[in-house]
C-alpha atoms as a PDB file:
ATOM      1  CA  UNK A   1    -246.123-118.844 153.215  1.00  0.00           C
ATOM      2  CA  UNK A   2    -248.320-121.876 153.851  1.00  0.00           C
ATOM      3  CA  UNK A   3    -249.401-123.276 157.193  1.00  0.00           C
ATOM      4  CA  UNK A   4    -248.958-126.871 158.279  1.00  0.00           C
ATOM      5  CA  UNK A   5    -251.455-129.432 157.001  1.00  0.00           C
ATOM      6  CA  UNK A   6    -254.634-129.660 158.996  1.00  0.00           C
ATOM      7  CA  UNK A   7    -255.746-133.091 157.754  1.00  0.00           C
ATOM      8  CA  UNK A   8    -254.368-135.953 155.615  1.00  0.00           C
ATOM      9  CA  UNK A   9    -256.401-134.612 152.686  1.00  0.00           C
ATOM     10  CA  UNK A  10    -254.339-131.410 152.898  1.00  0.00           C
ATOM     11  CA  UNK A  11    -251.066-133.284 152.409  1.00  0.00           C
ATOM     12  CA  UNK A  12    -250.573-132.324 148.784  1.00  0.00           C
ATOM     13  CA  UNK A  13    -246.919-131.462 148.158  1.00  0.00           C
ATOM     14  CA  UNK A  14    -247.978-129.433 145.108  1.00  0.00           C
ATOM     15  CA  UNK A  15    -250.678-127.371 146.814  1.00  0.00           C
ATOM     16  CA  UNK A  16    -251.472-124.036 145.157  1.00  0.00           C
ATOM     17  CA  UNK A  17    -254.133-122.731 147.495  1.00  0.00           C
ATOM     18  CA  UNK A  18    -254.301-118.972 147.857  1.00  0.00           C
ATOM     19  CA  UNK A  19    -255.936-119.155 151.253  1.00  0.00           C
ATOM     20  CA  UNK A  20    -252.733-120.030 153.092  1.00  0.00           C
ATOM     21  CA  UNK A  21    -254.306-123.286 154.319  1.00  0.00           C
ATOM     22  CA  UNK A  22    -252.715-126.523 153.288  1.00  0.00           C
ATOM     23  CA  UNK A  23    -249.097-127.490 152.962  1.00  0.00           C
ATOM     24  CA  UNK A  24    -246.496-127.109 150.271  1.00  0.00           C
ATOM     25  CA  UNK A  25    -243.122-128.704 149.879  1.00  0.00           C
ATOM     26  CA  UNK A  26    -241.883-126.653 146.910  1.00  0.00           C
ATOM     27  CA  UNK A  27    -242.417-123.237 145.415  1.00  0.00           C
ATOM     28  CA  UNK A  28    -240.977-121.298 142.501  1.00  0.00           C
ATOM     29  CA  UNK A  29    -239.540-117.866 143.097  1.00  0.00           C
ATOM     30  CA  UNK A  30    -239.780-115.844 139.925  1.00  0.00           C
ATOM     31  CA  UNK A  31    -239.071-112.329 141.180  1.00  0.00           C
ATOM     32  CA  UNK A  32    -235.299-111.958 140.918  1.00  0.00           C
ATOM     33  CA  UNK A  33    -233.231-114.901 139.712  1.00  0.00           C
ATOM     34  CA  UNK A  34    -235.594-117.886 139.262  1.00  0.00           C
ATOM     35  CA  UNK A  35    -235.287-120.518 141.999  1.00  0.00           C
ATOM     36  CA  UNK A  36    -237.011-123.680 143.132  1.00  0.00           C
ATOM     37  CA  UNK A  37    -237.377-123.534 146.910  1.00  0.00           C
ATOM     38  CA  UNK A  38    -238.034-126.463 149.260  1.00  0.00           C
ATOM     39  CA  UNK A  39    -239.881-125.571 152.424  1.00  0.00           C
ATOM     40  CA  UNK A  40    -239.509-121.956 153.438  1.00  0.00           C
ATOM     41  CA  UNK A  41    -236.072-121.130 152.065  1.00  0.00           C
ATOM     42  CA  UNK A  42    -233.887-124.071 151.021  1.00  0.00           C
ATOM     43  CA  UNK A  43    -232.891-123.531 147.407  1.00  0.00           C
ATOM     44  CA  UNK A  44    -233.024-126.690 145.304  1.00  0.00           C
ATOM     45  CA  UNK A  45    -229.935-126.839 143.125  1.00  0.00           C
ATOM     46  CA  UNK A  46    -229.828-128.190 139.596  1.00  0.00           C
ATOM     47  CA  UNK A  47    -226.666-129.285 137.848  1.00  0.00           C
ATOM     48  CA  UNK A  48    -227.234-126.725 135.098  1.00  0.00           C
ATOM     49  CA  UNK A  49    -229.404-123.639 134.667  1.00  0.00           C
ATOM     50  CA  UNK A  50    -230.998-125.330 131.668  1.00  0.00           C
ATOM     51  CA  UNK A  51    -232.567-127.964 133.933  1.00  0.00           C
ATOM     52  CA  UNK A  52    -234.287-125.175 135.846  1.00  0.00           C
ATOM     53  CA  UNK A  53    -235.206-123.529 132.522  1.00  0.00           C
ATOM     54  CA  UNK A  54    -237.041-126.717 131.481  1.00  0.00           C
ATOM     55  CA  UNK A  55    -238.989-126.690 134.752  1.00  0.00           C
ATOM     56  CA  UNK A  56    -239.881-123.018 134.331  1.00  0.00           C
ATOM     57  CA  UNK A  57    -241.033-123.490 130.738  1.00  0.00           C
ATOM     58  CA  UNK A  58    -243.170-126.467 131.723  1.00  0.00           C
ATOM     59  CA  UNK A  59    -244.562-124.483 134.666  1.00  0.00           C
ATOM     60  CA  UNK A  60    -245.882-121.801 132.303  1.00  0.00           C
ATOM     61  CA  UNK A  61    -246.571-123.764 129.119  1.00  0.00           C
ATOM     62  CA  UNK A  62    -246.771-127.429 130.050  1.00  0.00           C
ATOM     63  CA  UNK A  63    -249.435-127.759 132.713  1.00  0.00           C
ATOM     64  CA  UNK A  64    -252.616-127.408 130.667  1.00  0.00           C
ATOM     65  CA  UNK A  65    -251.321-129.599 127.860  1.00  0.00           C
ATOM     66  CA  UNK A  66    -248.250-131.596 126.955  1.00  0.00           C
ATOM     67  CA  UNK A  67    -245.310-129.888 125.245  1.00  0.00           C
ATOM     68  CA  UNK A  68    -243.549-131.642 122.368  1.00  0.00           C
ATOM     69  CA  UNK A  69    -240.055-132.701 123.360  1.00  0.00           C
ATOM     70  CA  UNK A  70    -238.694-131.324 120.101  1.00  0.00           C
ATOM     71  CA  UNK A  71    -239.998-127.835 121.012  1.00  0.00           C
ATOM     72  CA  UNK A  72    -238.149-127.973 124.345  1.00  0.00           C
ATOM     73  CA  UNK A  73    -234.965-129.143 122.619  1.00  0.00           C
ATOM     74  CA  UNK A  74    -235.212-126.359 120.012  1.00  0.00           C
ATOM     75  CA  UNK A  75    -235.777-123.710 122.693  1.00  0.00           C
ATOM     76  CA  UNK A  76    -233.216-124.757 125.278  1.00  0.00           C
ATOM     77  CA  UNK A  77    -230.528-126.548 123.244  1.00  0.00           C
ATOM     78  CA  UNK A  78    -230.741-124.831 119.827  1.00  0.00           C
ATOM     79  CA  UNK A  79    -227.038-125.152 119.012  1.00  0.00           C
ATOM     80  CA  UNK A  80    -226.607-128.890 119.512  1.00  0.00           C
ATOM     81  CA  UNK A  81    -227.524-131.809 117.239  1.00  0.00           C
ATOM     82  CA  UNK A  82    -231.121-133.006 117.876  1.00  0.00           C
ATOM     83  CA  UNK A  83    -230.046-136.376 119.293  1.00  0.00           C
ATOM     84  CA  UNK A  84    -227.747-134.712 121.846  1.00  0.00           C
ATOM     85  CA  UNK A  85    -230.473-132.168 122.664  1.00  0.00           C
ATOM     86  CA  UNK A  86    -232.994-134.967 123.304  1.00  0.00           C
ATOM     87  CA  UNK A  87    -230.489-136.663 125.594  1.00  0.00           C
ATOM     88  CA  UNK A  88    -229.934-133.370 127.462  1.00  0.00           C
ATOM     89  CA  UNK A  89    -233.706-132.969 127.800  1.00  0.00           C
ATOM     90  CA  UNK A  90    -233.984-136.507 129.206  1.00  0.00           C
ATOM     91  CA  UNK A  91    -231.312-135.621 131.760  1.00  0.00           C
ATOM     92  CA  UNK A  92    -233.186-132.431 132.699  1.00  0.00           C
ATOM     93  CA  UNK A  93    -236.459-134.352 133.131  1.00  0.00           C
ATOM     94  CA  UNK A  94    -234.681-136.915 135.293  1.00  0.00           C
ATOM     95  CA  UNK A  95    -233.269-134.084 137.436  1.00  0.00           C
ATOM     96  CA  UNK A  96    -236.757-132.587 137.845  1.00  0.00           C
ATOM     97  CA  UNK A  97    -238.260-135.969 138.776  1.00  0.00           C
ATOM     98  CA  UNK A  98    -235.441-136.592 141.240  1.00  0.00           C
ATOM     99  CA  UNK A  99    -236.197-133.345 143.021  1.00  0.00           C
ATOM    100  CA  UNK A 100    -240.006-133.184 142.758  1.00  0.00           C
ATOM    101  CA  UNK A 101    -240.880-136.883 142.658  1.00  0.00           C
ATOM    102  CA  UNK A 102    -241.625-139.274 139.837  1.00  0.00           C
ATOM    103  CA  UNK A 103    -245.288-138.238 139.607  1.00  0.00           C
ATOM    104  CA  UNK A 104    -244.443-134.567 138.954  1.00  0.00           C
ATOM    105  CA  UNK A 105    -244.101-135.114 135.186  1.00  0.00           C
ATOM    106  CA  UNK A 106    -245.512-137.275 132.483  1.00  0.00           C
ATOM    107  CA  UNK A 107    -242.830-138.481 130.163  1.00  0.00           C
ATOM    108  CA  UNK A 108    -244.164-139.939 126.966  1.00  0.00           C
ATOM    109  CA  UNK A 109    -241.855-140.480 124.012  1.00  0.00           C
ATOM    110  CA  UNK A 110    -242.969-137.433 122.027  1.00  0.00           C
ATOM    111  CA  UNK A 111    -244.100-134.962 124.683  1.00  0.00           C
ATOM    112  CA  UNK A 112    -243.927-134.051 128.341  1.00  0.00           C
ATOM    113  CA  UNK A 113    -246.321-132.406 130.787  1.00  0.00           C
ATOM    114  CA  UNK A 114    -245.844-130.950 134.250  1.00  0.00           C
ATOM    115  CA  UNK A 115    -248.427-132.442 136.612  1.00  0.00           C
ATOM    116  CA  UNK A 116    -247.140-130.659 139.706  1.00  0.00           C
ATOM    117  CA  UNK A 117    -248.802-127.297 140.231  1.00  0.00           C
ATOM    118  CA  UNK A 118    -246.028-125.459 141.983  1.00  0.00           C
ATOM    119  CA  UNK A 119    -246.979-122.317 143.850  1.00  0.00           C
ATOM    120  CA  UNK A 120    -244.952-119.299 142.865  1.00  0.00           C
ATOM    121  CA  UNK A 121    -244.416-115.814 144.191  1.00  0.00           C
ATOM    122  CA  UNK A 122    -246.142-114.551 141.042  1.00  0.00           C
ATOM    123  CA  UNK A 123    -249.256-116.642 141.779  1.00  0.00           C
ATOM    124  CA  UNK A 124    -249.201-115.563 145.423  1.00  0.00           C
ATOM    125  CA  UNK A 125    -248.958-111.931 144.291  1.00  0.00           C
ATOM    126  CA  UNK A 126    -252.027-112.519 142.100  1.00  0.00           C
ATOM    127  CA  UNK A 127    -253.880-114.031 145.085  1.00  0.00           C
ATOM    128  CA  UNK A 128    -253.010-111.126 147.362  1.00  0.00           C
ATOM    129  CA  UNK A 129    -253.684-108.473 144.744  1.00  0.00           C
ATOM    130  CA  UNK A 130    -256.278-109.807 142.278  1.00  0.00           C
ATOM    131  CA  UNK A 131    -256.021-106.641 140.196  1.00  0.00           C
ATOM    132  CA  UNK A 132    -252.273-107.264 139.667  1.00  0.00           C
ATOM    133  CA  UNK A 133    -252.036-108.588 136.139  1.00  0.00           C
ATOM    134  CA  UNK A 134    -249.604-108.290 133.289  1.00  0.00           C
ATOM    135  CA  UNK A 135    -250.716-105.334 131.190  1.00  0.00           C
ATOM    136  CA  UNK A 136    -252.034-106.208 127.737  1.00  0.00           C
ATOM    137  CA  UNK A 137    -249.563-105.958 124.878  1.00  0.00           C
ATOM    138  CA  UNK A 138    -249.894-103.057 122.520  1.00  0.00           C
ATOM    139  CA  UNK A 139    -249.637-103.831 118.830  1.00  0.00           C
END
């Protein structure tokens, strides 16, 4: 989907350019079963689906501003005691950092934010077809 880097300034592993210029190491595939892909087609595996769920939630909700850790625990581990849920979240964040790099996330004590802007097939679809948008909800 993205061409090779043309200069050192283009070497951003989290490039989200629509133009096709630049270089990307990872992308999210959201059509079909969600997947994190390295390069053109190598699926990045997580130990559990919940680790990928954390990444997906942060991709949509945790880029513009930090997400409270307790919200992530309540959403993804609702049936476990809070302390165990926080530990599971820490393990998920470690798994994400291991795969994307330590600078992909902020990890403060109370909240977390995704710094990596991962390209996705949904974003690429929006670049190719600017009129393609989610229809507004009807009340």
